Amino acid sequence: MAQPALPRKSPATWGVIAILLIIAITGTLWVPFYARSTPALGGFPFFYWFQLIWVPVTGALCWICYLLAKRRPPRGSRPRDGRGAHR
């Protein structure tokens, strides 16, 4: 017995997820931006506290991406396989 196809996420949702993950990756890997020692915060050079700030920011961005990917489609949406809902 075949199971009905589940509606897929819209390309816009996947685009938002991709952009959020790109922000998290480039924010930590774009070394010329943070490869300096000033301004210091609490005696720590900019390099260290900038990296430490990205830890919770990246966690929050990944959590948002997870919620977007897990989100269920609206109740009125139909499967995209072209068949009717009544079979």
PDB file of N, CA and C in Angstrom:
ATOM      1  N   MET A   1       0.847  -1.165   0.000  1.00  0.00           N
ATOM      2  CA  MET A   1       0.000   0.000   0.000  1.00  0.00           C
ATOM      3  C   MET A   1       0.896   1.232   0.000  1.00  0.00           C
ATOM      4  N   ALA A   2       0.673   2.113  -0.947  1.00  0.00           N
ATOM      5  CA  ALA A   2       1.507   3.307  -1.072  1.00  0.00           C
ATOM      6  C   ALA A   2       1.043   4.376  -0.090  1.00  0.00           C
ATOM      7  N   GLN A   3       2.007   5.074   0.451  1.00  0.00           N
ATOM      8  CA  GLN A   3       1.694   6.176   1.350  1.00  0.00           C
ATOM      9  C   GLN A   3       1.610   7.463   0.545  1.00  0.00           C
ATOM     10  N   PRO A   4       0.724   8.377   0.929  1.00  0.00           N
ATOM     11  CA  PRO A   4       0.623   9.635   0.192  1.00  0.00           C
ATOM     12  C   PRO A   4       1.897  10.460   0.357  1.00  0.00           C
ATOM     13  N   ALA A   5       2.227  11.184  -0.692  1.00  0.00           N
ATOM     14  CA  ALA A   5       3.421  12.035  -0.648  1.00  0.00           C
ATOM     15  C   ALA A   5       3.170  13.217   0.274  1.00  0.00           C
ATOM     16  N   LEU A   6       4.158  13.514   1.086  1.00  0.00           N
ATOM     17  CA  LEU A   6       4.052  14.666   1.979  1.00  0.00           C
ATOM     18  C   LEU A   6       4.417  15.931   1.224  1.00  0.00           C
ATOM     19  N   PRO A   7       3.738  17.042   1.522  1.00  0.00           N
ATOM     20  CA  PRO A   7       4.096  18.291   0.865  1.00  0.00           C
ATOM     21  C   PRO A   7       5.524  18.698   1.234  1.00  0.00           C
ATOM     22  N   ARG A   8       6.243  19.198   0.269  1.00  0.00           N
ATOM     23  CA  ARG A   8       7.623  19.615   0.511  1.00  0.00           C
ATOM     24  C   ARG A   8       7.670  21.061   0.972  1.00  0.00           C
ATOM     25  N   LYS A   9       8.816  21.424   1.515  1.00  0.00           N
ATOM     26  CA  LYS A   9       9.022  22.812   1.928  1.00  0.00           C
ATOM     27  C   LYS A   9       9.151  23.680   0.683  1.00  0.00           C
ATOM     28  N   SER A  10       8.749  24.914   0.811  1.00  0.00           N
ATOM     29  CA  SER A  10       8.863  25.820  -0.323  1.00  0.00           C
ATOM     30  C   SER A  10      10.327  26.200  -0.535  1.00  0.00           C
ATOM     31  N   PRO A  11      10.688  26.562  -1.752  1.00  0.00           N
ATOM     32  CA  PRO A  11      12.063  27.001  -2.007  1.00  0.00           C
ATOM     33  C   PRO A  11      12.439  28.232  -1.182  1.00  0.00           C
ATOM     34  N   ALA A  12      11.465  29.061  -0.844  1.00  0.00           N
ATOM     35  CA  ALA A  12      11.751  30.242  -0.024  1.00  0.00           C
ATOM     36  C   ALA A  12      12.202  29.832   1.376  1.00  0.00           C
ATOM     37  N   THR A  13      11.579  28.797   1.933  1.00  0.00           N
ATOM     38  CA  THR A  13      11.981  28.321   3.258  1.00  0.00           C
ATOM     39  C   THR A  13      13.401  27.805   3.229  1.00  0.00           C
ATOM     40  N   TRP A  14      13.732  27.001   2.195  1.00  0.00           N
ATOM     41  CA  TRP A  14      15.103  26.492   2.087  1.00  0.00           C
ATOM     42  C   TRP A  14      16.087  27.617   1.824  1.00  0.00           C
ATOM     43  N   GLY A  15      15.653  28.655   1.124  1.00  0.00           N
ATOM     44  CA  GLY A  15      16.523  29.809   0.897  1.00  0.00           C
ATOM     45  C   GLY A  15      16.846  30.531   2.191  1.00  0.00           C
ATOM     46  N   VAL A  16      15.846  30.708   3.043  1.00  0.00           N
ATOM     47  CA  VAL A  16      16.070  31.357   4.341  1.00  0.00           C
ATOM     48  C   VAL A  16      17.004  30.514   5.202  1.00  0.00           C
ATOM     49  N   ILE A  17      16.793  29.204   5.195  1.00  0.00           N
ATOM     50  CA  ILE A  17      17.669  28.316   5.966  1.00  0.00           C
ATOM     51  C   ILE A  17      19.101  28.421   5.467  1.00  0.00           C
ATOM     52  N   ALA A  18      19.284  28.419   4.155  1.00  0.00           N
ATOM     53  CA  ALA A  18      20.631  28.518   3.581  1.00  0.00           C
ATOM     54  C   ALA A  18      21.294  29.839   3.939  1.00  0.00           C
ATOM     55  N   ILE A  19      20.555  30.932   3.876  1.00  0.00           N
ATOM     56  CA  ILE A  19      21.118  32.244   4.208  1.00  0.00           C
ATOM     57  C   ILE A  19      21.539  32.304   5.667  1.00  0.00           C
ATOM     58  N   LEU A  20      20.705  31.785   6.570  1.00  0.00           N
ATOM     59  CA  LEU A  20      21.054  31.799   7.988  1.00  0.00           C
ATOM     60  C   LEU A  20      22.308  30.966   8.269  1.00  0.00           C
ATOM     61  N   LEU A  21      22.418  29.820   7.625  1.00  0.00           N
ATOM     62  CA  LEU A  21      23.607  28.995   7.828  1.00  0.00           C
ATOM     63  C   LEU A  21      24.849  29.630   7.206  1.00  0.00           C
ATOM     64  N   ILE A  22      24.691  30.312   6.078  1.00  0.00           N
ATOM     65  CA  ILE A  22      25.819  31.019   5.466  1.00  0.00           C
ATOM     66  C   ILE A  22      26.295  32.142   6.367  1.00  0.00           C
ATOM     67  N   ILE A  23      25.378  32.840   7.016  1.00  0.00           N
ATOM     68  CA  ILE A  23      25.759  33.900   7.966  1.00  0.00           C
ATOM     69  C   ILE A  23      26.594  33.304   9.100  1.00  0.00           C
ATOM     70  N   ALA A  24      26.149  32.172   9.635  1.00  0.00           N
ATOM     71  CA  ALA A  24      26.876  31.543  10.745  1.00  0.00           C
ATOM     72  C   ALA A  24      28.267  31.091  10.311  1.00  0.00           C
ATOM     73  N   ILE A  25      28.373  30.564   9.109  1.00  0.00           N
ATOM     74  CA  ILE A  25      29.666  30.064   8.638  1.00  0.00           C
ATOM     75  C   ILE A  25      30.613  31.209   8.291  1.00  0.00           C
ATOM     76  N   THR A  26      30.139  32.183   7.532  1.00  0.00           N
ATOM     77  CA  THR A  26      31.033  33.274   7.124  1.00  0.00           C
ATOM     78  C   THR A  26      31.407  34.180   8.290  1.00  0.00           C
ATOM     79  N   GLY A  27      30.528  34.296   9.275  1.00  0.00           N
ATOM     80  CA  GLY A  27      30.847  35.127  10.433  1.00  0.00           C
ATOM     81  C   GLY A  27      32.046  34.616  11.209  1.00  0.00           C
ATOM     82  N   THR A  28      32.233  33.324  11.206  1.00  0.00           N
ATOM     83  CA  THR A  28      33.366  32.759  11.943  1.00  0.00           C
ATOM     84  C   THR A  28      34.567  32.459  11.062  1.00  0.00           C
ATOM     85  N   LEU A  29      34.371  32.295   9.775  1.00  0.00           N
ATOM     86  CA  LEU A  29      35.484  31.945   8.896  1.00  0.00           C
ATOM     87  C   LEU A  29      36.081  33.125   8.130  1.00  0.00           C
ATOM     88  N   TRP A  30      35.484  34.293   8.224  1.00  0.00           N
ATOM     89  CA  TRP A  30      36.000  35.476   7.538  1.00  0.00           C
ATOM     90  C   TRP A  30      37.075  36.110   8.435  1.00  0.00           C
ATOM     91  N   VAL A  31      38.243  35.524   8.426  1.00  0.00           N
ATOM     92  CA  VAL A  31      39.324  35.884   9.345  1.00  0.00           C
ATOM     93  C   VAL A  31      39.804  37.326   9.191  1.00  0.00           C
ATOM     94  N   PRO A  32      39.950  37.898   7.998  1.00  0.00           N
ATOM     95  CA  PRO A  32      40.429  39.287   7.923  1.00  0.00           C
ATOM     96  C   PRO A  32      39.563  40.291   8.688  1.00  0.00           C
ATOM     97  N   PHE A  33      38.304  39.959   8.905  1.00  0.00           N
ATOM     98  CA  PHE A  33      37.432  40.869   9.645  1.00  0.00           C
ATOM     99  C   PHE A  33      37.804  40.958  11.123  1.00  0.00           C
ATOM    100  N   TYR A  34      38.176  39.854  11.725  1.00  0.00           N
ATOM    101  CA  TYR A  34      38.421  39.861  13.166  1.00  0.00           C
ATOM    102  C   TYR A  34      39.864  39.560  13.555  1.00  0.00           C
ATOM    103  N   ALA A  35      40.786  39.559  12.624  1.00  0.00           N
ATOM    104  CA  ALA A  35      42.192  39.266  12.937  1.00  0.00           C
ATOM    105  C   ALA A  35      42.890  40.533  13.422  1.00  0.00           C
ATOM    106  N   ARG A  36      42.497  41.003  14.583  1.00  0.00           N
ATOM    107  CA  ARG A  36      43.100  42.193  15.201  1.00  0.00           C
ATOM    108  C   ARG A  36      42.942  42.102  16.710  1.00  0.00           C
ATOM    109  N   SER A  37      43.651  42.920  17.401  1.00  0.00           N
ATOM    110  CA  SER A  37      43.599  42.836  18.861  1.00  0.00           C
ATOM    111  C   SER A  37      42.772  43.950  19.498  1.00  0.00           C
ATOM    112  N   THR A  38      42.473  44.996  18.763  1.00  0.00           N
ATOM    113  CA  THR A  38      41.673  46.083  19.333  1.00  0.00           C
ATOM    114  C   THR A  38      40.302  46.073  18.689  1.00  0.00           C
ATOM    115  N   PRO A  39      39.284  46.444  19.345  1.00  0.00           N
ATOM    116  CA  PRO A  39      39.167  46.905  20.725  1.00  0.00           C
ATOM    117  C   PRO A  39      39.158  45.734  21.704  1.00  0.00           C
ATOM    118  N   ALA A  40      39.728  45.963  22.836  1.00  0.00           N
ATOM    119  CA  ALA A  40      39.758  44.945  23.887  1.00  0.00           C
ATOM    120  C   ALA A  40      38.515  45.081  24.761  1.00  0.00           C
ATOM    121  N   LEU A  41      38.022  43.983  25.237  1.00  0.00           N
ATOM    122  CA  LEU A  41      36.847  43.974  26.099  1.00  0.00           C
ATOM    123  C   LEU A  41      37.170  43.143  27.321  1.00  0.00           C
ATOM    124  N   GLY A  42      37.294  43.780  28.462  1.00  0.00           N
ATOM    125  CA  GLY A  42      37.630  43.086  29.695  1.00  0.00           C
ATOM    126  C   GLY A  42      39.019  42.468  29.672  1.00  0.00           C
ATOM    127  N   GLY A  43      39.919  43.071  28.941  1.00  0.00           N
ATOM    128  CA  GLY A  43      41.273  42.560  28.855  1.00  0.00           C
ATOM    129  C   GLY A  43      41.480  41.522  27.762  1.00  0.00           C
ATOM    130  N   PHE A  44      40.404  41.110  27.113  1.00  0.00           N
ATOM    131  CA  PHE A  44      40.503  40.142  26.028  1.00  0.00           C
ATOM    132  C   PHE A  44      40.588  40.865  24.691  1.00  0.00           C
ATOM    133  N   PRO A  45      41.498  40.463  23.829  1.00  0.00           N
ATOM    134  CA  PRO A  45      41.564  41.064  22.497  1.00  0.00           C
ATOM    135  C   PRO A  45      40.286  40.772  21.699  1.00  0.00           C
ATOM    136  N   PHE A  46      40.045  41.598  20.695  1.00  0.00           N
ATOM    137  CA  PHE A  46      38.860  41.489  19.853  1.00  0.00           C
ATOM    138  C   PHE A  46      38.708  40.086  19.277  1.00  0.00           C
ATOM    139  N   PHE A  47      39.804  39.484  18.853  1.00  0.00           N
ATOM    140  CA  PHE A  47      39.772  38.154  18.252  1.00  0.00           C
ATOM    141  C   PHE A  47      39.053  37.164  19.154  1.00  0.00           C
ATOM    142  N   TYR A  48      39.352  37.144  20.430  1.00  0.00           N
ATOM    143  CA  TYR A  48      38.775  36.152  21.335  1.00  0.00           C
ATOM    144  C   TYR A  48      37.306  36.412  21.636  1.00  0.00           C
ATOM    145  N   TRP A  49      36.968  37.654  21.986  1.00  0.00           N
ATOM    146  CA  TRP A  49      35.576  37.872  22.357  1.00  0.00           C
ATOM    147  C   TRP A  49      34.659  37.859  21.144  1.00  0.00           C
ATOM    148  N   PHE A  50      35.165  38.181  19.960  1.00  0.00           N
ATOM    149  CA  PHE A  50      34.353  38.063  18.747  1.00  0.00           C
ATOM    150  C   PHE A  50      34.000  36.597  18.497  1.00  0.00           C
ATOM    151  N   GLN A  51      34.983  35.709  18.646  1.00  0.00           N
ATOM    152  CA  GLN A  51      34.721  34.278  18.456  1.00  0.00           C
ATOM    153  C   GLN A  51      33.767  33.739  19.523  1.00  0.00           C
ATOM    154  N   LEU A  52      33.916  34.199  20.758  1.00  0.00           N
ATOM    155  CA  LEU A  52      33.032  33.730  21.824  1.00  0.00           C
ATOM    156  C   LEU A  52      31.596  34.206  21.643  1.00  0.00           C
ATOM    157  N   ILE A  53      31.417  35.378  21.059  1.00  0.00           N
ATOM    158  CA  ILE A  53      30.063  35.867  20.791  1.00  0.00           C
ATOM    159  C   ILE A  53      29.378  34.998  19.737  1.00  0.00           C
ATOM    160  N   TRP A  54      30.154  34.496  18.775  1.00  0.00           N
ATOM    161  CA  TRP A  54      29.569  33.692  17.706  1.00  0.00           C
ATOM    162  C   TRP A  54      29.082  32.326  18.179  1.00  0.00           C
ATOM    163  N   VAL A  55      29.529  31.848  19.310  1.00  0.00           N
ATOM    164  CA  VAL A  55      29.073  30.535  19.792  1.00  0.00           C
ATOM    165  C   VAL A  55      27.558  30.543  20.044  1.00  0.00           C
ATOM    166  N   PRO A  56      27.009  31.447  20.868  1.00  0.00           N
ATOM    167  CA  PRO A  56      25.552  31.432  21.050  1.00  0.00           C
ATOM    168  C   PRO A  56      24.794  31.926  19.816  1.00  0.00           C
ATOM    169  N   VAL A  57      25.397  32.844  19.055  1.00  0.00           N
ATOM    170  CA  VAL A  57      24.729  33.334  17.844  1.00  0.00           C
ATOM    171  C   VAL A  57      24.549  32.187  16.848  1.00  0.00           C
ATOM    172  N   THR A  58      25.595  31.399  16.645  1.00  0.00           N
ATOM    173  CA  THR A  58      25.506  30.265  15.726  1.00  0.00           C
ATOM    174  C   THR A  58      24.522  29.223  16.249  1.00  0.00           C
ATOM    175  N   GLY A  59      24.521  29.005  17.545  1.00  0.00           N
ATOM    176  CA  GLY A  59      23.547  28.079  18.125  1.00  0.00           C
ATOM    177  C   GLY A  59      22.116  28.543  17.887  1.00  0.00           C
ATOM    178  N   ALA A  60      21.858  29.829  18.055  1.00  0.00           N
ATOM    179  CA  ALA A  60      20.521  30.376  17.827  1.00  0.00           C
ATOM    180  C   ALA A  60      20.131  30.276  16.354  1.00  0.00           C
ATOM    181  N   LEU A  61      21.069  30.574  15.455  1.00  0.00           N
ATOM    182  CA  LEU A  61      20.777  30.481  14.027  1.00  0.00           C
ATOM    183  C   LEU A  61      20.487  29.036  13.612  1.00  0.00           C
ATOM    184  N   CYS A  62      21.243  28.095  14.139  1.00  0.00           N
ATOM    185  CA  CYS A  62      20.991  26.680  13.834  1.00  0.00           C
ATOM    186  C   CYS A  62      19.645  26.225  14.393  1.00  0.00           C
ATOM    187  N   TRP A  63      19.271  26.718  15.571  1.00  0.00           N
ATOM    188  CA  TRP A  63      17.982  26.381  16.161  1.00  0.00           C
ATOM    189  C   TRP A  63      16.838  26.919  15.302  1.00  0.00           C
ATOM    190  N   ILE A  64      16.973  28.150  14.814  1.00  0.00           N
ATOM    191  CA  ILE A  64      15.960  28.731  13.929  1.00  0.00           C
ATOM    192  C   ILE A  64      15.846  27.906  12.651  1.00  0.00           C
ATOM    193  N   CYS A  65      16.986  27.503  12.093  1.00  0.00           N
ATOM    194  CA  CYS A  65      16.970  26.674  10.882  1.00  0.00           C
ATOM    195  C   CYS A  65      16.288  25.337  11.144  1.00  0.00           C
ATOM    196  N   TYR A  66      16.548  24.753  12.284  1.00  0.00           N
ATOM    197  CA  TYR A  66      15.895  23.490  12.655  1.00  0.00           C
ATOM    198  C   TYR A  66      14.383  23.665  12.741  1.00  0.00           C
ATOM    199  N   LEU A  67      13.942  24.737  13.379  1.00  0.00           N
ATOM    200  CA  LEU A  67      12.504  24.972  13.500  1.00  0.00           C
ATOM    201  C   LEU A  67      11.865  25.198  12.140  1.00  0.00           C
ATOM    202  N   LEU A  68      12.549  25.914  11.256  1.00  0.00           N
ATOM    203  CA  LEU A  68      12.010  26.143   9.913  1.00  0.00           C
ATOM    204  C   LEU A  68      11.920  24.835   9.127  1.00  0.00           C
ATOM    205  N   ALA A  69      12.919  23.989   9.255  1.00  0.00           N
ATOM    206  CA  ALA A  69      12.917  22.723   8.524  1.00  0.00           C
ATOM    207  C   ALA A  69      11.896  21.742   9.096  1.00  0.00           C
ATOM    208  N   LYS A  70      11.631  21.832  10.383  1.00  0.00           N
ATOM    209  CA  LYS A  70      10.712  20.912  11.057  1.00  0.00           C
ATOM    210  C   LYS A  70       9.261  21.358  10.926  1.00  0.00           C
ATOM    211  N   ARG A  71       9.044  22.625  10.650  1.00  0.00           N
ATOM    212  CA  ARG A  71       7.698  23.199  10.616  1.00  0.00           C
ATOM    213  C   ARG A  71       6.795  22.440   9.652  1.00  0.00           C
ATOM    214  N   ARG A  72       5.593  22.180  10.081  1.00  0.00           N
ATOM    215  CA  ARG A  72       4.625  21.475   9.252  1.00  0.00           C
ATOM    216  C   ARG A  72       3.991  22.448   8.269  1.00  0.00           C
ATOM    217  N   PRO A  73       3.589  21.942   7.110  1.00  0.00           N
ATOM    218  CA  PRO A  73       2.895  22.809   6.150  1.00  0.00           C
ATOM    219  C   PRO A  73       1.505  23.171   6.659  1.00  0.00           C
ATOM    220  N   PRO A  74       0.905  24.214   6.130  1.00  0.00           N
ATOM    221  CA  PRO A  74      -0.452  24.585   6.549  1.00  0.00           C
ATOM    222  C   PRO A  74      -1.432  23.437   6.308  1.00  0.00           C
ATOM    223  N   ARG A  75      -2.504  23.400   7.068  1.00  0.00           N
ATOM    224  CA  ARG A  75      -3.460  22.291   6.998  1.00  0.00           C
ATOM    225  C   ARG A  75      -4.122  22.159   5.633  1.00  0.00           C
ATOM    226  N   GLY A  76      -4.360  23.236   4.950  1.00  0.00           N
ATOM    227  CA  GLY A  76      -5.079  23.184   3.681  1.00  0.00           C
ATOM    228  C   GLY A  76      -4.222  22.779   2.499  1.00  0.00           C
ATOM    229  N   SER A  77      -2.935  22.589   2.673  1.00  0.00           N
ATOM    230  CA  SER A  77      -2.073  22.274   1.533  1.00  0.00           C
ATOM    231  C   SER A  77      -2.253  20.824   1.102  1.00  0.00           C
ATOM    232  N   ARG A  78      -2.097  20.607  -0.205  1.00  0.00           N
ATOM    233  CA  ARG A  78      -2.253  19.273  -0.767  1.00  0.00           C
ATOM    234  C   ARG A  78      -0.899  18.723  -1.164  1.00  0.00           C
ATOM    235  N   PRO A  79      -0.806  17.416  -1.324  1.00  0.00           N
ATOM    236  CA  PRO A  79       0.443  16.831  -1.815  1.00  0.00           C
ATOM    237  C   PRO A  79       0.751  17.337  -3.216  1.00  0.00           C
ATOM    238  N   ARG A  80       2.023  17.444  -3.549  1.00  0.00           N
ATOM    239  CA  ARG A  80       2.432  17.980  -4.845  1.00  0.00           C
ATOM    240  C   ARG A  80       2.609  16.903  -5.909  1.00  0.00           C
ATOM    241  N   ASP A  81       2.063  15.735  -5.698  1.00  0.00           N
ATOM    242  CA  ASP A  81       2.259  14.678  -6.682  1.00  0.00           C
ATOM    243  C   ASP A  81       1.239  14.724  -7.805  1.00  0.00           C
ATOM    244  N   GLY A  82       0.307  15.697  -7.771  1.00  0.00           N
ATOM    245  CA  GLY A  82      -0.655  15.856  -8.839  1.00  0.00           C
ATOM    246  C   GLY A  82      -1.923  15.049  -8.649  1.00  0.00           C
ATOM    247  N   ARG A  83      -1.938  14.161  -7.712  1.00  0.00           N
ATOM    248  CA  ARG A  83      -3.133  13.372  -7.462  1.00  0.00           C
ATOM    249  C   ARG A  83      -4.033  14.074  -6.462  1.00  0.00           C
ATOM    250  N   GLY A  84      -5.282  13.750  -6.489  1.00  0.00           N
ATOM    251  CA  GLY A  84      -6.222  14.327  -5.549  1.00  0.00           C
ATOM    252  C   GLY A  84      -6.019  13.793  -4.145  1.00  0.00           C
ATOM    253  N   ALA A  85      -6.615  14.441  -3.173  1.00  0.00           N
ATOM    254  CA  ALA A  85      -6.457  14.026  -1.783  1.00  0.00           C
ATOM    255  C   ALA A  85      -7.299  12.779  -1.471  1.00  0.00           C
ATOM    256  N   HIS A  86      -8.337  12.512  -2.266  1.00  0.00           N
ATOM    257  CA  HIS A  86      -9.228  11.373  -1.990  1.00  0.00           C
ATOM    258  C   HIS A  86      -8.853  10.202  -2.889  1.00  0.00           C
ATOM    259  N   ARG A  87      -8.244   9.196  -2.326  1.00  0.00           N
ATOM    260  CA  ARG A  87      -7.887   7.982  -3.074  1.00  0.00           C
ATOM    261  C   ARG A  87      -8.176   6.787  -2.243  1.00  0.00           C
TER     262      ARG A  87
END
